[in-house]
Amino acid sequence: MSNTLNVAAISIDTHWGAPADNLAILGRCLDILDPETDLVVVPELFSTGFASDPDALAELAESNGGGTMHTVMQLARRYNTAIAGSFIARSGNHIYNRGFFIEPSGEET
């Protein structure tokens, strides 16, 4: 077991309001990532970009088990790396900038 933690901070040119595009970009970045990477950190709100307008936030928000989290969990498993970041989440009538940490197994912690 190595005592070294290999971390990659991925900066992407986020396409505002386009989660599918941004998740595809993340996948392409992971394709060329060093396979020894233990943790990938993505930008805040990487899947949609930032919004301050309440109507835009409501439109972009997704459930905690929505497409962003589902895809990130798949990517973590496929590339055997932990992934940390945040996305716009909806819980009931509330909207959050929800942080996440997904283990290489694809499990959320």
C-alpha atoms as a PDB file:
ATOM      1  CA  MET A   1       0.000   0.000   0.000  1.00  0.00           C
ATOM      2  CA  SER A   2       1.352   3.387  -1.029  1.00  0.00           C
ATOM      3  CA  ASN A   3       1.392   6.375   1.299  1.00  0.00           C
ATOM      4  CA  THR A   4       1.023   8.694  -1.680  1.00  0.00           C
ATOM      5  CA  LEU A   5      -2.307  10.265  -2.596  1.00  0.00           C
ATOM      6  CA  ASN A   6      -2.502  11.144  -6.296  1.00  0.00           C
ATOM      7  CA  VAL A   7      -4.986  13.972  -6.851  1.00  0.00           C
ATOM      8  CA  ALA A   8      -6.095  15.539 -10.133  1.00  0.00           C
ATOM      9  CA  ALA A   9      -7.961  18.846 -10.222  1.00  0.00           C
ATOM     10  CA  ILE A  10      -9.873  18.963 -13.494  1.00  0.00           C
ATOM     11  CA  SER A  11     -10.810  22.371 -14.831  1.00  0.00           C
ATOM     12  CA  ILE A  12     -13.363  22.241 -17.614  1.00  0.00           C
ATOM     13  CA  ASP A  13     -14.916  24.959 -19.746  1.00  0.00           C
ATOM     14  CA  THR A  14     -18.407  24.451 -18.343  1.00  0.00           C
ATOM     15  CA  HIS A  15     -21.280  24.800 -20.799  1.00  0.00           C
ATOM     16  CA  TRP A  16     -23.963  26.677 -18.893  1.00  0.00           C
ATOM     17  CA  GLY A  17     -27.131  24.693 -18.329  1.00  0.00           C
ATOM     18  CA  ALA A  18     -25.898  21.628 -20.246  1.00  0.00           C
ATOM     19  CA  PRO A  19     -25.318  18.750 -17.803  1.00  0.00           C
ATOM     20  CA  ALA A  20     -25.069  16.054 -20.497  1.00  0.00           C
ATOM     21  CA  ASP A  21     -22.362  18.016 -22.334  1.00  0.00           C
ATOM     22  CA  ASN A  22     -20.418  18.728 -19.149  1.00  0.00           C
ATOM     23  CA  LEU A  23     -20.588  15.127 -17.966  1.00  0.00           C
ATOM     24  CA  ALA A  24     -19.343  13.995 -21.398  1.00  0.00           C
ATOM     25  CA  ILE A  25     -16.438  16.435 -21.094  1.00  0.00           C
ATOM     26  CA  LEU A  26     -15.611  14.985 -17.674  1.00  0.00           C
ATOM     27  CA  GLY A  27     -15.641  11.490 -19.174  1.00  0.00           C
ATOM     28  CA  ARG A  28     -13.197  12.548 -21.906  1.00  0.00           C
ATOM     29  CA  CYS A  29     -10.911  14.098 -19.267  1.00  0.00           C
ATOM     30  CA  LEU A  30     -10.974  10.853 -17.290  1.00  0.00           C
ATOM     31  CA  ASP A  31     -10.091   8.926 -20.463  1.00  0.00           C
ATOM     32  CA  ILE A  32      -6.661  10.581 -20.482  1.00  0.00           C
ATOM     33  CA  LEU A  33      -6.143  10.642 -16.724  1.00  0.00           C
ATOM     34  CA  ASP A  34      -3.190   8.823 -15.185  1.00  0.00           C
ATOM     35  CA  PRO A  35      -4.617   5.459 -14.034  1.00  0.00           C
ATOM     36  CA  GLU A  36      -2.804   5.874 -10.707  1.00  0.00           C
ATOM     37  CA  THR A  37      -5.026   8.851  -9.792  1.00  0.00           C
ATOM     38  CA  ASP A  38      -6.770   8.299  -6.458  1.00  0.00           C
ATOM     39  CA  LEU A  39      -8.990  11.394  -6.367  1.00  0.00           C
ATOM     40  CA  VAL A  40     -10.418  13.704  -9.021  1.00  0.00           C
ATOM     41  CA  VAL A  41     -11.742  17.109  -7.942  1.00  0.00           C
ATOM     42  CA  VAL A  42     -14.122  18.837 -10.337  1.00  0.00           C
ATOM     43  CA  PRO A  43     -15.169  22.503 -10.243  1.00  0.00           C
ATOM     44  CA  GLU A  44     -18.077  23.696  -8.165  1.00  0.00           C
ATOM     45  CA  LEU A  45     -21.347  23.227 -10.062  1.00  0.00           C
ATOM     46  CA  PHE A  46     -19.391  21.570 -12.873  1.00  0.00           C
ATOM     47  CA  SER A  47     -22.409  19.957 -14.504  1.00  0.00           C
ATOM     48  CA  THR A  48     -24.446  23.143 -15.021  1.00  0.00           C
ATOM     49  CA  GLY A  49     -22.380  26.199 -14.257  1.00  0.00           C
ATOM     50  CA  PHE A  50     -23.321  28.884 -11.727  1.00  0.00           C
ATOM     51  CA  ALA A  51     -26.733  30.558 -11.630  1.00  0.00           C
ATOM     52  CA  SER A  52     -28.062  33.178  -9.244  1.00  0.00           C
ATOM     53  CA  ASP A  53     -31.542  33.604 -10.716  1.00  0.00           C
ATOM     54  CA  PRO A  54     -34.031  31.533  -8.685  1.00  0.00           C
ATOM     55  CA  ASP A  55     -35.931  30.445 -11.809  1.00  0.00           C
ATOM     56  CA  ALA A  56     -32.714  29.262 -13.491  1.00  0.00           C
ATOM     57  CA  LEU A  57     -31.683  27.431 -10.327  1.00  0.00           C
ATOM     58  CA  ALA A  58     -35.042  25.676 -10.158  1.00  0.00           C
ATOM     59  CA  GLU A  59     -34.757  24.652 -13.806  1.00  0.00           C
ATOM     60  CA  LEU A  60     -31.212  23.296 -13.415  1.00  0.00           C
ATOM     61  CA  ALA A  61     -31.693  21.548 -10.053  1.00  0.00           C
ATOM     62  CA  GLU A  62     -31.964  17.778  -9.974  1.00  0.00           C
ATOM     63  CA  SER A  63     -32.572  15.205  -7.300  1.00  0.00           C
ATOM     64  CA  ASN A  64     -29.744  13.736  -5.275  1.00  0.00           C
ATOM     65  CA  GLY A  65     -30.184  10.535  -7.278  1.00  0.00           C
ATOM     66  CA  GLY A  66     -30.474  12.283 -10.638  1.00  0.00           C
ATOM     67  CA  GLY A  67     -28.378  12.149 -13.767  1.00  0.00           C
ATOM     68  CA  THR A  68     -25.314  13.928 -12.432  1.00  0.00           C
ATOM     69  CA  MET A  69     -24.857  11.638  -9.448  1.00  0.00           C
ATOM     70  CA  HIS A  70     -25.706   8.534 -11.469  1.00  0.00           C
ATOM     71  CA  THR A  71     -23.096   9.402 -14.101  1.00  0.00           C
ATOM     72  CA  VAL A  72     -20.418  10.411 -11.589  1.00  0.00           C
ATOM     73  CA  MET A  73     -20.903   7.103  -9.747  1.00  0.00           C
ATOM     74  CA  GLN A  74     -20.483   5.201 -13.023  1.00  0.00           C
ATOM     75  CA  LEU A  75     -17.357   7.188 -13.905  1.00  0.00           C
ATOM     76  CA  ALA A  76     -15.818   6.576 -10.471  1.00  0.00           C
ATOM     77  CA  ARG A  77     -16.295   2.821 -10.925  1.00  0.00           C
ATOM     78  CA  ARG A  78     -15.099   2.786 -14.532  1.00  0.00           C
ATOM     79  CA  TYR A  79     -11.898   4.709 -13.770  1.00  0.00           C
ATOM     80  CA  ASN A  80     -11.409   3.327 -10.237  1.00  0.00           C
ATOM     81  CA  THR A  81     -10.986   6.784  -8.741  1.00  0.00           C
ATOM     82  CA  ALA A  82     -12.779   8.879  -6.140  1.00  0.00           C
ATOM     83  CA  ILE A  83     -14.535  11.982  -7.493  1.00  0.00           C
ATOM     84  CA  ALA A  84     -15.432  15.100  -5.471  1.00  0.00           C
ATOM     85  CA  GLY A  85     -17.374  18.176  -6.512  1.00  0.00           C
ATOM     86  CA  SER A  86     -20.801  19.791  -6.299  1.00  0.00           C
ATOM     87  CA  PHE A  87     -23.984  20.239  -8.317  1.00  0.00           C
ATOM     88  CA  ILE A  88     -27.325  22.049  -8.044  1.00  0.00           C
ATOM     89  CA  ALA A  89     -29.625  19.735  -6.102  1.00  0.00           C
ATOM     90  CA  ARG A  90     -33.293  19.868  -5.212  1.00  0.00           C
ATOM     91  CA  SER A  91     -34.692  18.406  -2.023  1.00  0.00           C
ATOM     92  CA  GLY A  92     -38.385  19.123  -1.555  1.00  0.00           C
ATOM     93  CA  ASN A  93     -38.896  22.825  -2.180  1.00  0.00           C
ATOM     94  CA  HIS A  94     -35.270  23.683  -1.400  1.00  0.00           C
ATOM     95  CA  ILE A  95     -32.320  24.064  -3.762  1.00  0.00           C
ATOM     96  CA  TYR A  96     -28.754  23.429  -2.632  1.00  0.00           C
ATOM     97  CA  ASN A  97     -25.202  23.602  -3.910  1.00  0.00           C
ATOM     98  CA  ARG A  98     -24.659  19.974  -2.895  1.00  0.00           C
ATOM     99  CA  GLY A  99     -21.158  18.676  -2.383  1.00  0.00           C
ATOM    100  CA  PHE A 100     -20.403  15.029  -3.044  1.00  0.00           C
ATOM    101  CA  PHE A 101     -17.608  12.511  -2.595  1.00  0.00           C
ATOM    102  CA  ILE A 102     -17.890   9.317  -4.581  1.00  0.00           C
ATOM    103  CA  GLU A 103     -15.531   6.450  -3.779  1.00  0.00           C
ATOM    104  CA  PRO A 104     -13.785   4.401  -6.510  1.00  0.00           C
ATOM    105  CA  SER A 105     -16.401   1.695  -5.914  1.00  0.00           C
ATOM    106  CA  GLY A 106     -19.054   4.167  -7.044  1.00  0.00           C
ATOM    107  CA  GLU A 107     -20.470   4.442  -3.535  1.00  0.00           C
ATOM    108  CA  GLU A 108     -21.346   7.817  -2.054  1.00  0.00           C
ATOM    109  CA  THR A 109     -19.844   8.787   1.290  1.00  0.00           C
END
